[in-house]
């Protein structure tokens, strides 16, 4: 009976340890990371819909003081219009590790980016950048990648 108990404990311990180091492979039989994808990756792309225009595919920001929330998707097309230029990220504390790729697709209007919580830091900088971040039309900085570290937002453009 003691041998059976010992064997059962050994099997349970082995299984628990194995699950703790599990790796998932997609199109590979030998994953080398927690998630190892041998192939292409497609992520959800969305635009921020203007709820003020019925049935419209026009993508807009919010008016001053009422920014359009960004809380879904990975690649997001931002289309600010005159008077509707503000977008706002969630609190960085609530979404650690979240990554957004944001692009201002307007050819004439600058998009303004705020956050519900956390500061903005440019890659490699220890000084925060004043809010709002601006994404100009037709210029360098039109697209950014922004990542939550669980306290603040780091951006690359």
N, C-alpha and C. Protein backbone atom coordinates (compact mmCIF):
# COMPACT_ATOMS: atom_id res chain seq x y z
N UNK A 1 0.82 -1.20 0.00
CA UNK A 1 0.00 0.00 0.00
C UNK A 1 0.86 1.26 0.00
N UNK A 2 1.95 1.26 0.76
CA UNK A 2 2.84 2.41 0.80
C UNK A 2 3.51 2.65 -0.55
N UNK A 3 3.84 1.56 -1.25
CA UNK A 3 4.43 1.71 -2.58
C UNK A 3 3.44 2.34 -3.55
N UNK A 4 2.18 1.94 -3.46
CA UNK A 4 1.15 2.49 -4.33
C UNK A 4 0.95 3.99 -4.05
N UNK A 5 0.94 4.37 -2.78
CA UNK A 5 0.82 5.78 -2.41
C UNK A 5 2.00 6.58 -2.97
N UNK A 6 3.19 6.04 -2.78
CA UNK A 6 4.40 6.71 -3.26
C UNK A 6 4.35 6.88 -4.78
N UNK A 7 3.96 5.84 -5.49
CA UNK A 7 3.87 5.90 -6.95
C UNK A 7 2.82 6.92 -7.38
N UNK A 8 1.68 6.96 -6.71
CA UNK A 8 0.62 7.91 -7.03
C UNK A 8 1.11 9.35 -6.79
N UNK A 9 1.78 9.60 -5.69
CA UNK A 9 2.32 10.93 -5.39
C UNK A 9 3.37 11.32 -6.43
N UNK A 10 4.20 10.38 -6.82
CA UNK A 10 5.22 10.64 -7.83
C UNK A 10 4.59 11.02 -9.18
N UNK A 11 3.55 10.31 -9.58
CA UNK A 11 2.86 10.59 -10.85
C UNK A 11 2.20 11.97 -10.79
N UNK A 12 1.53 12.29 -9.68
CA UNK A 12 0.87 13.58 -9.54
C UNK A 12 1.91 14.70 -9.56
N UNK A 13 3.01 14.53 -8.86
CA UNK A 13 4.07 15.54 -8.84
C UNK A 13 4.65 15.74 -10.23
N UNK A 14 4.86 14.67 -10.97
CA UNK A 14 5.40 14.77 -12.32
C UNK A 14 4.44 15.52 -13.23
N UNK A 15 3.14 15.19 -13.14
CA UNK A 15 2.15 15.86 -13.99
C UNK A 15 2.05 17.34 -13.65
N UNK A 16 2.06 17.68 -12.38
CA UNK A 16 1.98 19.08 -11.97
C UNK A 16 3.19 19.85 -12.47
N UNK A 17 4.35 19.26 -12.38
CA UNK A 17 5.58 19.90 -12.85
C UNK A 17 5.54 20.07 -14.36
N UNK A 18 5.06 19.07 -15.08
CA UNK A 18 4.99 19.12 -16.53
C UNK A 18 4.06 20.24 -16.99
N UNK A 19 2.92 20.42 -16.31
CA UNK A 19 1.99 21.48 -16.71
C UNK A 19 2.58 22.86 -16.43
N UNK A 20 3.40 22.97 -15.42
CA UNK A 20 4.02 24.25 -15.08
C UNK A 20 4.98 24.74 -16.15
N UNK A 21 5.51 23.84 -16.95
CA UNK A 21 6.46 24.21 -17.99
C UNK A 21 5.91 23.92 -19.38
N UNK A 22 4.59 23.92 -19.50
CA UNK A 22 3.95 23.57 -20.76
C UNK A 22 4.30 24.58 -21.85
N UNK A 23 4.49 24.06 -23.04
CA UNK A 23 4.72 24.89 -24.21
C UNK A 23 3.74 24.46 -25.28
N UNK A 24 3.21 25.41 -26.01
CA UNK A 24 2.24 25.14 -27.05
C UNK A 24 2.87 25.45 -28.39
N UNK A 25 2.77 24.51 -29.30
CA UNK A 25 3.30 24.72 -30.64
C UNK A 25 2.19 24.68 -31.66
N UNK A 26 2.19 25.64 -32.57
CA UNK A 26 1.24 25.65 -33.68
C UNK A 26 2.06 25.42 -34.93
N UNK A 27 1.80 24.33 -35.61
CA UNK A 27 2.51 23.92 -36.81
C UNK A 27 3.97 23.57 -36.50
N UNK A 28 4.22 23.12 -35.27
CA UNK A 28 5.54 22.62 -34.88
C UNK A 28 5.36 21.56 -33.81
N UNK A 29 6.15 20.52 -33.87
CA UNK A 29 6.07 19.47 -32.86
C UNK A 29 7.05 19.69 -31.71
N UNK A 30 7.94 20.66 -31.86
CA UNK A 30 8.92 20.94 -30.81
C UNK A 30 8.93 22.44 -30.49
N UNK A 31 7.91 22.93 -29.75
CA UNK A 31 7.88 24.35 -29.42
C UNK A 31 9.06 24.74 -28.54
N UNK A 32 9.64 25.88 -28.82
CA UNK A 32 10.80 26.36 -28.07
C UNK A 32 10.45 27.52 -27.13
N UNK A 33 9.20 27.97 -27.14
CA UNK A 33 8.72 29.04 -26.28
C UNK A 33 7.36 28.65 -25.74
N UNK A 34 6.83 29.45 -24.82
CA UNK A 34 5.50 29.18 -24.27
C UNK A 34 4.48 29.07 -25.39
N UNK A 35 4.56 29.97 -26.35
CA UNK A 35 3.75 29.88 -27.56
C UNK A 35 4.71 30.00 -28.73
N UNK A 36 4.80 28.95 -29.54
CA UNK A 36 5.72 28.90 -30.67
C UNK A 36 4.89 28.69 -31.93
N UNK A 37 4.85 29.70 -32.79
CA UNK A 37 4.04 29.64 -34.01
C UNK A 37 4.96 29.53 -35.21
N UNK A 38 4.83 28.44 -35.95
CA UNK A 38 5.58 28.25 -37.17
C UNK A 38 4.63 28.58 -38.31
N UNK A 39 4.57 29.84 -38.69
CA UNK A 39 3.65 30.29 -39.72
C UNK A 39 3.28 31.73 -39.48
N UNK A 40 2.22 32.17 -40.11
CA UNK A 40 1.79 33.56 -40.00
C UNK A 40 0.87 33.74 -38.81
N UNK A 41 0.82 34.95 -38.30
CA UNK A 41 -0.06 35.31 -37.21
C UNK A 41 -0.96 36.43 -37.68
N UNK A 42 -2.25 36.31 -37.45
CA UNK A 42 -3.20 37.33 -37.80
C UNK A 42 -3.81 37.85 -36.51
N UNK A 43 -3.84 39.17 -36.33
CA UNK A 43 -4.43 39.75 -35.14
C UNK A 43 -5.61 40.61 -35.56
N UNK A 44 -6.53 40.78 -34.62
CA UNK A 44 -7.75 41.52 -34.89
C UNK A 44 -7.45 42.98 -35.21
N UNK A 45 -8.00 43.46 -36.31
CA UNK A 45 -7.86 44.86 -36.71
C UNK A 45 -9.23 45.49 -36.58
N UNK A 46 -9.27 46.64 -35.92
CA UNK A 46 -10.55 47.34 -35.82
C UNK A 46 -10.34 48.81 -36.07
N UNK A 47 -11.41 49.49 -36.30
CA UNK A 47 -11.41 50.94 -36.37
C UNK A 47 -12.39 51.43 -35.32
N UNK A 48 -12.26 52.63 -34.89
CA UNK A 48 -13.17 53.19 -33.91
C UNK A 48 -14.33 53.80 -34.69
N UNK A 49 -15.52 53.24 -34.50
CA UNK A 49 -16.70 53.66 -35.27
C UNK A 49 -17.31 54.91 -34.66
N UNK A 50 -17.73 55.83 -35.52
CA UNK A 50 -18.40 57.04 -35.07
C UNK A 50 -19.86 56.71 -34.83
N UNK A 51 -20.26 56.67 -33.56
CA UNK A 51 -21.64 56.29 -33.22
C UNK A 51 -22.63 57.40 -33.57
N UNK A 52 -22.15 58.59 -33.92
CA UNK A 52 -23.04 59.69 -34.25
C UNK A 52 -23.54 59.64 -35.69
N UNK A 53 -22.96 58.77 -36.51
CA UNK A 53 -23.36 58.69 -37.91
C UNK A 53 -23.97 57.31 -38.15
N UNK A 54 -25.27 57.26 -38.29
CA UNK A 54 -25.99 56.00 -38.43
C UNK A 54 -25.53 55.22 -39.66
N UNK A 55 -25.17 53.96 -39.44
CA UNK A 55 -24.76 53.08 -40.52
C UNK A 55 -23.46 53.47 -41.18
N UNK A 56 -22.71 54.33 -40.56
CA UNK A 56 -21.50 54.85 -41.18
C UNK A 56 -20.29 53.98 -40.91
N UNK A 57 -19.40 53.89 -41.88
CA UNK A 57 -18.12 53.22 -41.69
C UNK A 57 -17.03 54.24 -41.42
N UNK A 58 -17.44 55.49 -41.19
CA UNK A 58 -16.48 56.54 -40.87
C UNK A 58 -15.92 56.27 -39.49
N UNK A 59 -14.60 56.35 -39.35
CA UNK A 59 -13.94 56.08 -38.08
C UNK A 59 -13.49 57.41 -37.48
N UNK A 60 -13.96 57.71 -36.26
CA UNK A 60 -13.69 59.02 -35.68
C UNK A 60 -13.18 58.93 -34.26
N UNK A 61 -12.61 60.01 -33.80
CA UNK A 61 -12.26 60.19 -32.40
C UNK A 61 -13.40 60.89 -31.70
N UNK A 62 -13.19 61.20 -30.43
CA UNK A 62 -14.20 61.91 -29.66
C UNK A 62 -13.90 63.39 -29.61
N UNK A 63 -14.92 64.19 -29.23
CA UNK A 63 -14.71 65.63 -29.09
C UNK A 63 -13.88 65.93 -27.85
N UNK A 64 -13.43 67.15 -27.73
CA UNK A 64 -12.61 67.58 -26.60
C UNK A 64 -13.28 67.23 -25.28
N UNK A 65 -12.54 66.52 -24.41
CA UNK A 65 -13.06 66.13 -23.11
C UNK A 65 -13.91 64.87 -23.12
N UNK A 66 -14.14 64.28 -24.28
CA UNK A 66 -14.95 63.06 -24.38
C UNK A 66 -14.27 62.11 -25.37
N UNK A 67 -13.05 61.73 -25.07
CA UNK A 67 -12.25 60.90 -25.97
C UNK A 67 -12.90 59.55 -26.23
N UNK A 68 -12.71 59.02 -27.43
CA UNK A 68 -13.19 57.69 -27.79
C UNK A 68 -12.27 56.65 -27.16
N UNK A 69 -12.86 55.74 -26.38
CA UNK A 69 -12.08 54.72 -25.67
C UNK A 69 -11.52 53.68 -26.63
N UNK A 70 -10.28 53.30 -26.39
CA UNK A 70 -9.64 52.20 -27.11
C UNK A 70 -9.54 51.05 -26.11
N UNK A 71 -10.23 49.96 -26.37
CA UNK A 71 -10.19 48.85 -25.42
C UNK A 71 -10.32 47.49 -26.08
N UNK A 72 -10.22 47.44 -27.39
CA UNK A 72 -10.36 46.18 -28.10
C UNK A 72 -9.44 46.20 -29.31
N UNK A 73 -9.03 45.02 -29.73
CA UNK A 73 -8.21 44.94 -30.93
C UNK A 73 -6.73 45.08 -30.64
N UNK A 74 -5.95 44.93 -31.67
CA UNK A 74 -4.50 45.07 -31.59
C UNK A 74 -4.05 46.15 -32.57
N UNK A 75 -4.42 46.01 -33.82
CA UNK A 75 -4.10 47.02 -34.84
C UNK A 75 -5.35 47.88 -34.99
N UNK A 76 -5.21 49.16 -34.66
CA UNK A 76 -6.38 50.02 -34.65
C UNK A 76 -6.13 51.22 -35.55
N UNK A 77 -7.06 51.43 -36.49
CA UNK A 77 -7.03 52.57 -37.38
C UNK A 77 -7.78 53.72 -36.73
N UNK A 78 -7.10 54.83 -36.52
CA UNK A 78 -7.71 56.01 -35.93
C UNK A 78 -7.96 57.03 -37.03
N UNK A 79 -9.17 57.56 -37.10
CA UNK A 79 -9.48 58.59 -38.08
C UNK A 79 -10.08 59.79 -37.36
N UNK A 80 -9.22 60.70 -36.92
CA UNK A 80 -9.75 61.91 -36.30
C UNK A 80 -10.37 62.82 -37.37
N UNK A 81 -11.38 63.56 -36.97
CA UNK A 81 -11.97 64.57 -37.86
C UNK A 81 -11.96 65.89 -37.12
N UNK A 82 -12.16 66.98 -37.83
CA UNK A 82 -12.15 68.30 -37.18
C UNK A 82 -13.14 68.28 -36.01
N UNK A 83 -12.65 68.59 -34.83
CA UNK A 83 -13.50 68.62 -33.64
C UNK A 83 -13.61 67.29 -32.93
N UNK A 84 -13.17 66.21 -33.54
CA UNK A 84 -13.22 64.87 -32.94
C UNK A 84 -11.85 64.22 -33.09
N UNK A 85 -10.93 64.60 -32.22
CA UNK A 85 -9.54 64.17 -32.40
C UNK A 85 -9.00 63.32 -31.26
N UNK A 86 -9.78 63.09 -30.19
CA UNK A 86 -9.25 62.46 -28.99
C UNK A 86 -9.58 60.98 -28.89
N UNK A 87 -8.55 60.20 -28.49
CA UNK A 87 -8.67 58.77 -28.24
C UNK A 87 -8.04 58.51 -26.88
N UNK A 88 -8.54 57.49 -26.15
CA UNK A 88 -8.00 57.24 -24.81
C UNK A 88 -7.78 55.75 -24.58
N UNK A 89 -6.59 55.44 -24.06
CA UNK A 89 -6.22 54.07 -23.73
C UNK A 89 -6.74 53.71 -22.34
N UNK A 90 -6.90 52.41 -22.05
CA UNK A 90 -7.29 52.01 -20.70
C UNK A 90 -6.17 52.29 -19.70
N UNK A 91 -6.47 52.17 -18.43
CA UNK A 91 -5.47 52.31 -17.38
C UNK A 91 -4.44 51.20 -17.55
N UNK A 92 -3.18 51.57 -17.64
CA UNK A 92 -2.10 50.58 -17.86
C UNK A 92 -2.05 49.53 -16.76
N UNK A 93 -2.48 49.87 -15.55
CA UNK A 93 -2.48 48.92 -14.43
C UNK A 93 -3.44 47.76 -14.70
N UNK A 94 -4.54 48.05 -15.37
CA UNK A 94 -5.57 47.03 -15.62
C UNK A 94 -5.28 46.11 -16.79
N UNK A 95 -4.27 46.46 -17.61
CA UNK A 95 -4.00 45.67 -18.82
C UNK A 95 -2.50 45.42 -19.00
N UNK A 96 -1.83 44.83 -18.00
CA UNK A 96 -0.38 44.62 -18.14
C UNK A 96 -0.06 43.72 -19.33
N UNK A 97 0.94 44.12 -20.09
CA UNK A 97 1.35 43.35 -21.26
C UNK A 97 0.54 43.62 -22.51
N UNK A 98 -0.51 44.42 -22.42
CA UNK A 98 -1.32 44.71 -23.60
C UNK A 98 -0.51 45.52 -24.59
N UNK A 99 -0.66 45.19 -25.88
CA UNK A 99 0.04 45.86 -26.97
C UNK A 99 -0.99 46.38 -27.96
N UNK A 100 -0.83 47.63 -28.35
CA UNK A 100 -1.65 48.21 -29.41
C UNK A 100 -0.72 48.73 -30.51
N UNK A 101 -1.17 48.58 -31.73
CA UNK A 101 -0.54 49.22 -32.88
C UNK A 101 -1.57 50.21 -33.37
N UNK A 102 -1.24 51.50 -33.27
CA UNK A 102 -2.19 52.56 -33.60
C UNK A 102 -1.68 53.33 -34.81
N UNK A 103 -2.59 53.63 -35.73
CA UNK A 103 -2.21 54.39 -36.93
C UNK A 103 -3.26 55.45 -37.21
N UNK A 104 -2.82 56.68 -37.35
CA UNK A 104 -3.70 57.77 -37.76
C UNK A 104 -3.85 57.68 -39.28
N UNK A 105 -5.04 57.31 -39.73
CA UNK A 105 -5.22 57.15 -41.17
C UNK A 105 -5.79 58.41 -41.83
N UNK A 106 -5.93 59.48 -41.06
CA UNK A 106 -6.36 60.75 -41.64
C UNK A 106 -5.19 61.37 -42.41
N UNK A 107 -5.50 62.05 -43.50
CA UNK A 107 -4.48 62.75 -44.27
C UNK A 107 -4.37 64.22 -43.88
N UNK A 108 -5.27 64.69 -42.98
CA UNK A 108 -5.29 66.12 -42.68
C UNK A 108 -5.36 66.48 -41.20
N UNK A 109 -5.78 65.56 -40.33
CA UNK A 109 -6.04 65.91 -38.93
C UNK A 109 -5.15 65.09 -38.00
N UNK A 110 -4.57 65.74 -36.99
CA UNK A 110 -3.74 65.08 -35.98
C UNK A 110 -4.62 64.40 -34.94
N UNK A 111 -4.29 63.16 -34.59
CA UNK A 111 -4.99 62.43 -33.52
C UNK A 111 -4.28 62.69 -32.19
N UNK A 112 -5.06 62.79 -31.12
CA UNK A 112 -4.51 62.99 -29.78
C UNK A 112 -4.82 61.77 -28.94
N UNK A 113 -3.79 61.25 -28.25
CA UNK A 113 -3.92 60.02 -27.48
C UNK A 113 -3.70 60.29 -25.99
N UNK A 114 -4.69 59.91 -25.19
CA UNK A 114 -4.65 60.05 -23.74
C UNK A 114 -4.69 58.66 -23.10
N UNK A 115 -4.63 58.60 -21.78
CA UNK A 115 -4.77 57.34 -21.06
C UNK A 115 -5.59 57.55 -19.80
N UNK A 116 -6.37 56.53 -19.42
CA UNK A 116 -7.13 56.56 -18.18
C UNK A 116 -6.22 56.40 -16.96
N UNK A 117 -4.99 55.95 -17.17
CA UNK A 117 -4.06 55.78 -16.05
C UNK A 117 -2.70 55.34 -16.53
N UNK A 118 -1.66 55.86 -15.90
CA UNK A 118 -0.30 55.57 -16.28
C UNK A 118 0.25 56.73 -17.10
N UNK A 119 1.55 56.77 -17.18
CA UNK A 119 2.24 57.82 -17.94
C UNK A 119 2.72 57.25 -19.27
N UNK A 120 3.06 58.13 -20.20
CA UNK A 120 3.64 57.74 -21.48
C UNK A 120 5.15 57.88 -21.40
N UNK A 121 5.87 56.84 -21.82
CA UNK A 121 7.33 56.88 -21.90
C UNK A 121 7.76 56.46 -23.30
N UNK A 122 8.63 57.26 -23.91
CA UNK A 122 9.21 56.88 -25.20
C UNK A 122 10.21 55.76 -24.95
N UNK A 123 10.37 54.86 -25.90
CA UNK A 123 11.31 53.74 -25.74
C UNK A 123 12.66 54.24 -25.24
N UNK A 124 13.19 53.55 -24.27
CA UNK A 124 14.52 53.86 -23.76
C UNK A 124 14.63 55.12 -22.93
N UNK A 125 13.52 55.80 -22.65
CA UNK A 125 13.57 57.03 -21.87
C UNK A 125 13.08 56.79 -20.45
N UNK A 126 13.69 57.48 -19.49
CA UNK A 126 13.19 57.38 -18.12
C UNK A 126 12.40 58.63 -17.74
N UNK A 127 12.18 59.51 -18.70
CA UNK A 127 11.38 60.72 -18.49
C UNK A 127 10.05 60.54 -19.23
N UNK A 128 8.95 60.79 -18.52
CA UNK A 128 7.66 60.62 -19.17
C UNK A 128 7.41 61.74 -20.18
N UNK A 129 6.58 61.45 -21.15
CA UNK A 129 6.20 62.39 -22.21
C UNK A 129 4.85 62.98 -21.85
N UNK A 130 4.73 64.27 -22.00
CA UNK A 130 3.48 64.95 -21.66
C UNK A 130 2.31 64.41 -22.49
N UNK A 131 1.16 64.33 -21.87
CA UNK A 131 -0.05 63.89 -22.52
C UNK A 131 -0.73 65.12 -23.13
N UNK A 132 -1.33 65.04 -24.29
CA UNK A 132 -1.54 63.83 -25.07
C UNK A 132 -0.36 63.55 -26.01
N UNK A 133 -0.26 62.27 -26.39
CA UNK A 133 0.63 61.93 -27.50
C UNK A 133 -0.09 62.36 -28.76
N UNK A 134 0.65 62.84 -29.72
CA UNK A 134 0.01 63.24 -30.97
C UNK A 134 0.49 62.36 -32.11
N UNK A 135 -0.43 61.95 -32.93
CA UNK A 135 -0.14 61.16 -34.13
C UNK A 135 -0.53 62.04 -35.32
N UNK A 136 0.47 62.63 -35.97
CA UNK A 136 0.19 63.59 -37.05
C UNK A 136 -0.26 62.89 -38.33
N UNK A 137 -0.93 63.65 -39.19
CA UNK A 137 -1.26 63.10 -40.51
C UNK A 137 -0.04 63.22 -41.41
N UNK A 138 0.18 62.27 -42.27
CA UNK A 138 1.24 62.35 -43.29
C UNK A 138 2.59 62.78 -42.77
N UNK A 139 3.05 62.18 -41.67
CA UNK A 139 4.36 62.54 -41.13
C UNK A 139 4.91 61.38 -40.32
N UNK A 140 6.18 61.49 -39.96
CA UNK A 140 6.78 60.51 -39.07
C UNK A 140 6.02 60.57 -37.75
N UNK A 141 5.71 59.43 -37.19
CA UNK A 141 4.94 59.40 -35.95
C UNK A 141 3.47 59.15 -36.19
N UNK A 142 3.11 58.92 -37.45
CA UNK A 142 1.72 58.64 -37.81
C UNK A 142 1.26 57.31 -37.23
N UNK A 143 2.21 56.39 -37.01
CA UNK A 143 1.92 55.08 -36.43
C UNK A 143 2.79 54.88 -35.19
N UNK A 144 2.22 54.24 -34.17
CA UNK A 144 3.01 53.90 -32.99
C UNK A 144 2.62 52.52 -32.49
N UNK A 145 3.55 51.91 -31.80
CA UNK A 145 3.28 50.69 -31.04
C UNK A 145 3.36 51.11 -29.59
N UNK A 146 2.37 50.72 -28.80
CA UNK A 146 2.33 51.14 -27.40
C UNK A 146 2.05 49.92 -26.53
N UNK A 147 2.82 49.77 -25.45
CA UNK A 147 2.78 48.57 -24.61
C UNK A 147 2.62 48.96 -23.15
N UNK A 148 1.70 48.28 -22.46
CA UNK A 148 1.53 48.49 -21.02
C UNK A 148 2.52 47.62 -20.26
N UNK A 149 3.24 48.22 -19.30
CA UNK A 149 4.12 47.44 -18.44
C UNK A 149 3.45 47.13 -17.10
N UNK A 150 2.15 47.39 -17.02
CA UNK A 150 1.42 47.15 -15.79
C UNK A 150 1.35 48.37 -14.89
N UNK A 151 2.02 49.45 -15.28
CA UNK A 151 1.97 50.70 -14.53
C UNK A 151 1.88 51.90 -15.47
N UNK A 152 2.62 51.83 -16.58
CA UNK A 152 2.70 52.93 -17.54
C UNK A 152 2.65 52.39 -18.96
N UNK A 153 2.70 53.28 -19.94
CA UNK A 153 2.69 52.94 -21.35
C UNK A 153 4.04 53.31 -21.97
N UNK A 154 4.66 52.37 -22.68
CA UNK A 154 5.88 52.64 -23.44
C UNK A 154 5.51 52.65 -24.91
N UNK A 155 5.96 53.69 -25.64
CA UNK A 155 5.61 53.77 -27.05
C UNK A 155 6.84 53.81 -27.94
N UNK A 156 6.66 53.26 -29.14
CA UNK A 156 7.70 53.19 -30.17
C UNK A 156 7.10 53.80 -31.44
N UNK A 157 7.79 54.78 -32.02
CA UNK A 157 7.31 55.31 -33.29
C UNK A 157 8.46 55.62 -34.20
